[in-house]
Amino acid sequence: MLIFGPHYTVQVLDEDRPATFAEFIKAGDYGLMESFTAHKRTLNQFRRYTGRAEGLSISFEPHLLGSKIEFDQDSSSLTIRNLPTQLTDQLKRRAACPFGAARQCLSACHGAREAKRS
């Protein structure tokens, strides 16, 4: 079964000569149409950087690279600035936990709450 996404019109933007490439394509016999239906999954690859492995999932828009997100090619690492408030709050609560590692913290905090209720 083929699934098609929304219909898009090809537009080539060149501030100095906006129609140059489009004219070149139209002048040759390349069999290209002026509009096409895009495959959504393929199109999304150009709209976002995404990755998932070992319990970690990251997704961000390309315009954030270089401003809020820095990529260090040598160490294969990302630096993320201006984290969402909800994530920052979760990380602060975790850092303040006196019980250590995340799994231990969850168990101990849950146990401490249960003990208070008794």
C-alpha atoms as a PDB file:
ATOM      1  CA  MET A   1       0.000   0.000   0.000  1.00  0.00           C
ATOM      2  CA  LEU A   2       1.361   3.420  -0.917  1.00  0.00           C
ATOM      3  CA  ILE A   3       0.765   6.326   1.429  1.00  0.00           C
ATOM      4  CA  PHE A   4       1.174   9.814   0.085  1.00  0.00           C
ATOM      5  CA  GLY A   5       1.621  12.989   2.062  1.00  0.00           C
ATOM      6  CA  PRO A   6       0.485  16.512   1.306  1.00  0.00           C
ATOM      7  CA  HIS A   7       0.930  17.973  -2.183  1.00  0.00           C
ATOM      8  CA  TYR A   8       3.890  20.369  -2.599  1.00  0.00           C
ATOM      9  CA  THR A   9       4.987  22.696  -5.368  1.00  0.00           C
ATOM     10  CA  VAL A  10       8.687  22.881  -6.176  1.00  0.00           C
ATOM     11  CA  GLN A  11      10.095  26.327  -5.544  1.00  0.00           C
ATOM     12  CA  VAL A  12      13.742  27.141  -5.939  1.00  0.00           C
ATOM     13  CA  LEU A  13      14.790  30.233  -4.046  1.00  0.00           C
ATOM     14  CA  ASP A  14      17.799  32.214  -5.122  1.00  0.00           C
ATOM     15  CA  GLU A  15      17.716  35.828  -3.997  1.00  0.00           C
ATOM     16  CA  ASP A  16      19.833  37.018  -6.906  1.00  0.00           C
ATOM     17  CA  ARG A  17      18.244  34.924  -9.689  1.00  0.00           C
ATOM     18  CA  PRO A  18      15.142  33.172  -8.340  1.00  0.00           C
ATOM     19  CA  ALA A  19      14.033  31.519 -11.594  1.00  0.00           C
ATOM     20  CA  THR A  20      17.406  30.296 -12.897  1.00  0.00           C
ATOM     21  CA  PHE A  21      17.259  26.681 -11.745  1.00  0.00           C
ATOM     22  CA  ALA A  22      13.558  26.289 -12.532  1.00  0.00           C
ATOM     23  CA  GLU A  23      14.159  27.626 -16.054  1.00  0.00           C
ATOM     24  CA  PHE A  24      17.090  25.244 -16.522  1.00  0.00           C
ATOM     25  CA  ILE A  25      14.941  22.255 -15.564  1.00  0.00           C
ATOM     26  CA  LYS A  26      12.059  23.357 -17.774  1.00  0.00           C
ATOM     27  CA  ALA A  27      14.405  23.864 -20.757  1.00  0.00           C
ATOM     28  CA  GLY A  28      15.761  20.308 -20.561  1.00  0.00           C
ATOM     29  CA  ASP A  29      13.772  17.133 -21.015  1.00  0.00           C
ATOM     30  CA  TYR A  30      14.202  15.755 -17.498  1.00  0.00           C
ATOM     31  CA  GLY A  31      10.642  14.541 -17.046  1.00  0.00           C
ATOM     32  CA  LEU A  32      10.219  16.560 -13.870  1.00  0.00           C
ATOM     33  CA  MET A  33       6.854  18.019 -13.000  1.00  0.00           C
ATOM     34  CA  GLU A  34       6.423  21.398 -11.366  1.00  0.00           C
ATOM     35  CA  SER A  35       4.601  19.830  -8.432  1.00  0.00           C
ATOM     36  CA  PHE A  36       4.696  16.483  -6.669  1.00  0.00           C
ATOM     37  CA  THR A  37       3.319  14.594  -3.701  1.00  0.00           C
ATOM     38  CA  ALA A  38       5.946  14.191  -1.017  1.00  0.00           C
ATOM     39  CA  HIS A  39       6.568  11.113   1.110  1.00  0.00           C
ATOM     40  CA  LYS A  40       5.958  12.364   4.654  1.00  0.00           C
ATOM     41  CA  ARG A  41       8.666  10.291   6.386  1.00  0.00           C
ATOM     42  CA  THR A  42      11.303  11.399   3.874  1.00  0.00           C
ATOM     43  CA  LEU A  43      10.236  15.040   4.136  1.00  0.00           C
ATOM     44  CA  ASN A  44      10.435  14.906   7.943  1.00  0.00           C
ATOM     45  CA  GLN A  45      14.091  13.881   7.675  1.00  0.00           C
ATOM     46  CA  PHE A  46      14.772  17.353   6.302  1.00  0.00           C
ATOM     47  CA  ARG A  47      12.650  19.090   8.955  1.00  0.00           C
ATOM     48  CA  ARG A  48      14.149  17.530  12.088  1.00  0.00           C
ATOM     49  CA  TYR A  49      17.251  15.835  13.387  1.00  0.00           C
ATOM     50  CA  THR A  50      16.224  12.704  15.279  1.00  0.00           C
ATOM     51  CA  GLY A  51      17.935   9.854  17.045  1.00  0.00           C
ATOM     52  CA  ARG A  52      17.062   7.096  19.486  1.00  0.00           C
ATOM     53  CA  ALA A  53      19.229   4.560  21.331  1.00  0.00           C
ATOM     54  CA  GLU A  54      19.494   2.925  24.742  1.00  0.00           C
ATOM     55  CA  GLY A  55      16.608   4.772  26.408  1.00  0.00           C
ATOM     56  CA  LEU A  56      17.505   8.154  24.907  1.00  0.00           C
ATOM     57  CA  SER A  57      15.394   9.927  22.311  1.00  0.00           C
ATOM     58  CA  ILE A  58      16.367  13.275  20.774  1.00  0.00           C
ATOM     59  CA  SER A  59      14.533  15.317  18.165  1.00  0.00           C
ATOM     60  CA  PHE A  60      15.056  18.939  17.186  1.00  0.00           C
ATOM     61  CA  GLU A  61      14.564  21.338  14.308  1.00  0.00           C
ATOM     62  CA  PRO A  62      17.608  22.175  12.150  1.00  0.00           C
ATOM     63  CA  HIS A  63      17.444  25.919  12.867  1.00  0.00           C
ATOM     64  CA  LEU A  64      18.383  25.206  16.533  1.00  0.00           C
ATOM     65  CA  LEU A  65      21.747  23.740  15.529  1.00  0.00           C
ATOM     66  CA  GLY A  66      24.366  26.389  16.163  1.00  0.00           C
ATOM     67  CA  SER A  67      22.181  28.482  18.464  1.00  0.00           C
ATOM     68  CA  LYS A  68      20.504  26.453  21.220  1.00  0.00           C
ATOM     69  CA  ILE A  69      22.223  23.198  20.269  1.00  0.00           C
ATOM     70  CA  GLU A  70      25.936  22.802  19.618  1.00  0.00           C
ATOM     71  CA  PHE A  71      27.434  19.673  18.043  1.00  0.00           C
ATOM     72  CA  ASP A  72      31.027  18.707  18.870  1.00  0.00           C
ATOM     73  CA  GLN A  73      32.108  16.388  16.073  1.00  0.00           C
ATOM     74  CA  ASP A  74      35.314  15.300  17.831  1.00  0.00           C
ATOM     75  CA  SER A  75      33.560  14.028  20.963  1.00  0.00           C
ATOM     76  CA  SER A  76      30.293  13.148  19.199  1.00  0.00           C
ATOM     77  CA  SER A  77      28.364  15.158  21.770  1.00  0.00           C
ATOM     78  CA  LEU A  78      25.585  17.740  21.899  1.00  0.00           C
ATOM     79  CA  THR A  79      25.337  20.739  24.193  1.00  0.00           C
ATOM     80  CA  ILE A  80      21.758  21.884  24.683  1.00  0.00           C
ATOM     81  CA  ARG A  81      20.974  25.367  26.045  1.00  0.00           C
ATOM     82  CA  ASN A  82      17.671  26.736  27.345  1.00  0.00           C
ATOM     83  CA  LEU A  83      16.106  23.408  28.287  1.00  0.00           C
ATOM     84  CA  PRO A  84      12.317  23.265  28.590  1.00  0.00           C
ATOM     85  CA  THR A  85      11.175  24.295  32.079  1.00  0.00           C
ATOM     86  CA  GLN A  86       9.480  20.957  32.718  1.00  0.00           C
ATOM     87  CA  LEU A  87      12.710  19.065  31.986  1.00  0.00           C
ATOM     88  CA  THR A  88      14.799  21.468  34.079  1.00  0.00           C
ATOM     89  CA  ASP A  89      12.420  21.007  37.034  1.00  0.00           C
ATOM     90  CA  GLN A  90      12.645  17.208  36.753  1.00  0.00           C
ATOM     91  CA  LEU A  91      16.442  17.328  36.650  1.00  0.00           C
ATOM     92  CA  LYS A  92      16.602  19.662  39.663  1.00  0.00           C
ATOM     93  CA  ARG A  93      14.333  17.363  41.695  1.00  0.00           C
ATOM     94  CA  ARG A  94      16.524  14.400  40.750  1.00  0.00           C
ATOM     95  CA  ALA A  95      19.721  16.249  41.697  1.00  0.00           C
ATOM     96  CA  ALA A  96      18.229  17.117  45.100  1.00  0.00           C
ATOM     97  CA  CYS A  97      17.314  13.496  45.891  1.00  0.00           C
ATOM     98  CA  PRO A  98      19.377  12.235  48.868  1.00  0.00           C
ATOM     99  CA  PHE A  99      19.083   8.576  47.823  1.00  0.00           C
ATOM    100  CA  GLY A 100      21.534   8.495  44.919  1.00  0.00           C
ATOM    101  CA  ALA A 101      20.930   6.824  41.560  1.00  0.00           C
ATOM    102  CA  ALA A 102      17.624   7.362  39.780  1.00  0.00           C
ATOM    103  CA  ARG A 103      16.212   3.887  40.396  1.00  0.00           C
ATOM    104  CA  GLN A 104      17.263   3.959  44.056  1.00  0.00           C
ATOM    105  CA  CYS A 105      15.873   7.465  44.417  1.00  0.00           C
ATOM    106  CA  LEU A 106      12.482   6.461  43.069  1.00  0.00           C
ATOM    107  CA  SER A 107      12.282   3.442  45.372  1.00  0.00           C
ATOM    108  CA  ALA A 108      13.516   5.281  48.436  1.00  0.00           C
ATOM    109  CA  CYS A 109      11.329   8.360  47.860  1.00  0.00           C
ATOM    110  CA  HIS A 110       8.304   6.161  47.289  1.00  0.00           C
ATOM    111  CA  GLY A 111       9.124   4.189  50.461  1.00  0.00           C
ATOM    112  CA  ALA A 112       9.570   7.392  52.455  1.00  0.00           C
ATOM    113  CA  ARG A 113       6.170   8.676  51.295  1.00  0.00           C
ATOM    114  CA  GLU A 114       4.526   5.377  52.242  1.00  0.00           C
ATOM    115  CA  ALA A 115       6.166   5.511  55.700  1.00  0.00           C
ATOM    116  CA  LYS A 116       4.838   9.065  56.267  1.00  0.00           C
ATOM    117  CA  ARG A 117       1.315   7.926  55.463  1.00  0.00           C
ATOM    118  CA  SER A 118       1.426   5.195  58.157  1.00  0.00           C
END
